């Protein structure tokens, strides 16, 4: 196990260290997912959409209102 430290800015922003980005395959413009569990741990994953069909539901619902 390896620990990598990053600093939180005054705006609450964190730069993901290059070593972590390489490990997760994160590139500029990619989305990341934070998973919070009941034990207070946070998991970080890169979000990849391999096909257009895999985007289904990614934006949520429109509360039943037609466009």
C-alpha atoms as a PDB file:
ATOM      1  CA  UNK A   1       0.000   0.000   0.000  1.00  0.00           C
ATOM      2  CA  UNK A   2       1.220   3.477  -0.834  1.00  0.00           C
ATOM      3  CA  UNK A   3      -0.045   6.800   0.480  1.00  0.00           C
ATOM      4  CA  UNK A   4      -0.062   9.950  -1.633  1.00  0.00           C
ATOM      5  CA  UNK A   5      -0.859  13.359  -0.097  1.00  0.00           C
ATOM      6  CA  UNK A   6      -2.635  16.263  -1.821  1.00  0.00           C
ATOM      7  CA  UNK A   7      -3.610  19.705  -0.507  1.00  0.00           C
ATOM      8  CA  UNK A   8      -7.131  21.162  -0.409  1.00  0.00           C
ATOM      9  CA  UNK A   9      -7.373  24.748  -1.686  1.00  0.00           C
ATOM     10  CA  UNK A  10      -9.436  27.529  -0.092  1.00  0.00           C
ATOM     11  CA  UNK A  11     -12.163  26.696  -2.636  1.00  0.00           C
ATOM     12  CA  UNK A  12     -12.230  23.027  -1.589  1.00  0.00           C
ATOM     13  CA  UNK A  13     -10.415  21.893  -4.709  1.00  0.00           C
ATOM     14  CA  UNK A  14      -7.826  19.124  -4.782  1.00  0.00           C
ATOM     15  CA  UNK A  15      -5.314  18.443  -7.533  1.00  0.00           C
ATOM     16  CA  UNK A  16      -5.134  14.702  -8.124  1.00  0.00           C
ATOM     17  CA  UNK A  17      -1.428  13.807  -7.999  1.00  0.00           C
ATOM     18  CA  UNK A  18       0.099  12.601 -11.276  1.00  0.00           C
ATOM     19  CA  UNK A  19       0.886   9.172  -9.803  1.00  0.00           C
ATOM     20  CA  UNK A  20      -2.795   8.650  -8.910  1.00  0.00           C
ATOM     21  CA  UNK A  21      -3.971   9.913 -12.320  1.00  0.00           C
ATOM     22  CA  UNK A  22      -1.651   7.470 -14.058  1.00  0.00           C
ATOM     23  CA  UNK A  23      -2.804   4.581 -11.852  1.00  0.00           C
ATOM     24  CA  UNK A  24      -6.483   5.306 -12.600  1.00  0.00           C
ATOM     25  CA  UNK A  25      -5.961   6.308 -16.232  1.00  0.00           C
ATOM     26  CA  UNK A  26      -7.434   9.761 -15.602  1.00  0.00           C
ATOM     27  CA  UNK A  27      -6.836  12.390 -18.271  1.00  0.00           C
ATOM     28  CA  UNK A  28      -7.864  16.023 -18.690  1.00  0.00           C
ATOM     29  CA  UNK A  29     -11.642  16.340 -19.017  1.00  0.00           C
ATOM     30  CA  UNK A  30     -12.379  12.912 -17.492  1.00  0.00           C
ATOM     31  CA  UNK A  31     -14.959  12.486 -14.744  1.00  0.00           C
ATOM     32  CA  UNK A  32     -14.171  10.969 -11.347  1.00  0.00           C
ATOM     33  CA  UNK A  33     -16.493   9.241  -8.917  1.00  0.00           C
ATOM     34  CA  UNK A  34     -16.262   9.531  -5.131  1.00  0.00           C
ATOM     35  CA  UNK A  35     -17.853   6.608  -3.284  1.00  0.00           C
ATOM     36  CA  UNK A  36     -18.582   7.250   0.401  1.00  0.00           C
ATOM     37  CA  UNK A  37     -19.129   4.176   2.554  1.00  0.00           C
ATOM     38  CA  UNK A  38     -20.750   3.849   5.976  1.00  0.00           C
ATOM     39  CA  UNK A  39     -17.375   3.453   7.714  1.00  0.00           C
ATOM     40  CA  UNK A  40     -16.327   6.948   6.603  1.00  0.00           C
ATOM     41  CA  UNK A  41     -13.944   5.766   3.892  1.00  0.00           C
ATOM     42  CA  UNK A  42     -13.866   7.309   0.424  1.00  0.00           C
ATOM     43  CA  UNK A  43     -13.059   5.449  -2.780  1.00  0.00           C
ATOM     44  CA  UNK A  44     -12.031   7.311  -5.943  1.00  0.00           C
ATOM     45  CA  UNK A  45     -12.709   5.810  -9.364  1.00  0.00           C
ATOM     46  CA  UNK A  46     -12.401   7.078 -12.889  1.00  0.00           C
ATOM     47  CA  UNK A  47     -15.689   7.124 -14.759  1.00  0.00           C
ATOM     48  CA  UNK A  48     -15.419   5.721 -18.257  1.00  0.00           C
ATOM     49  CA  UNK A  49     -18.261   5.465 -20.730  1.00  0.00           C
ATOM     50  CA  UNK A  50     -17.141   2.929 -23.367  1.00  0.00           C
ATOM     51  CA  UNK A  51     -20.304   3.283 -25.471  1.00  0.00           C
ATOM     52  CA  UNK A  52     -23.145   5.737 -25.968  1.00  0.00           C
ATOM     53  CA  UNK A  53     -25.546   3.122 -24.529  1.00  0.00           C
ATOM     54  CA  UNK A  54     -23.550   3.061 -21.276  1.00  0.00           C
ATOM     55  CA  UNK A  55     -24.460   6.741 -20.724  1.00  0.00           C
ATOM     56  CA  UNK A  56     -28.107   5.813 -20.164  1.00  0.00           C
ATOM     57  CA  UNK A  57     -29.218   7.191 -16.811  1.00  0.00           C
ATOM     58  CA  UNK A  58     -25.950   9.069 -16.159  1.00  0.00           C
ATOM     59  CA  UNK A  59     -27.727  12.431 -16.084  1.00  0.00           C
ATOM     60  CA  UNK A  60     -30.565  11.327 -13.826  1.00  0.00           C
ATOM     61  CA  UNK A  61     -34.249  11.918 -14.540  1.00  0.00           C
ATOM     62  CA  UNK A  62     -36.251  14.972 -15.528  1.00  0.00           C
ATOM     63  CA  UNK A  63     -38.847  14.413 -12.763  1.00  0.00           C
ATOM     64  CA  UNK A  64     -41.388  13.166 -15.275  1.00  0.00           C
ATOM     65  CA  UNK A  65     -41.486  16.439 -17.208  1.00  0.00           C
ATOM     66  CA  UNK A  66     -41.408  16.154 -21.002  1.00  0.00           C
ATOM     67  CA  UNK A  67     -38.925  18.270 -22.907  1.00  0.00           C
END
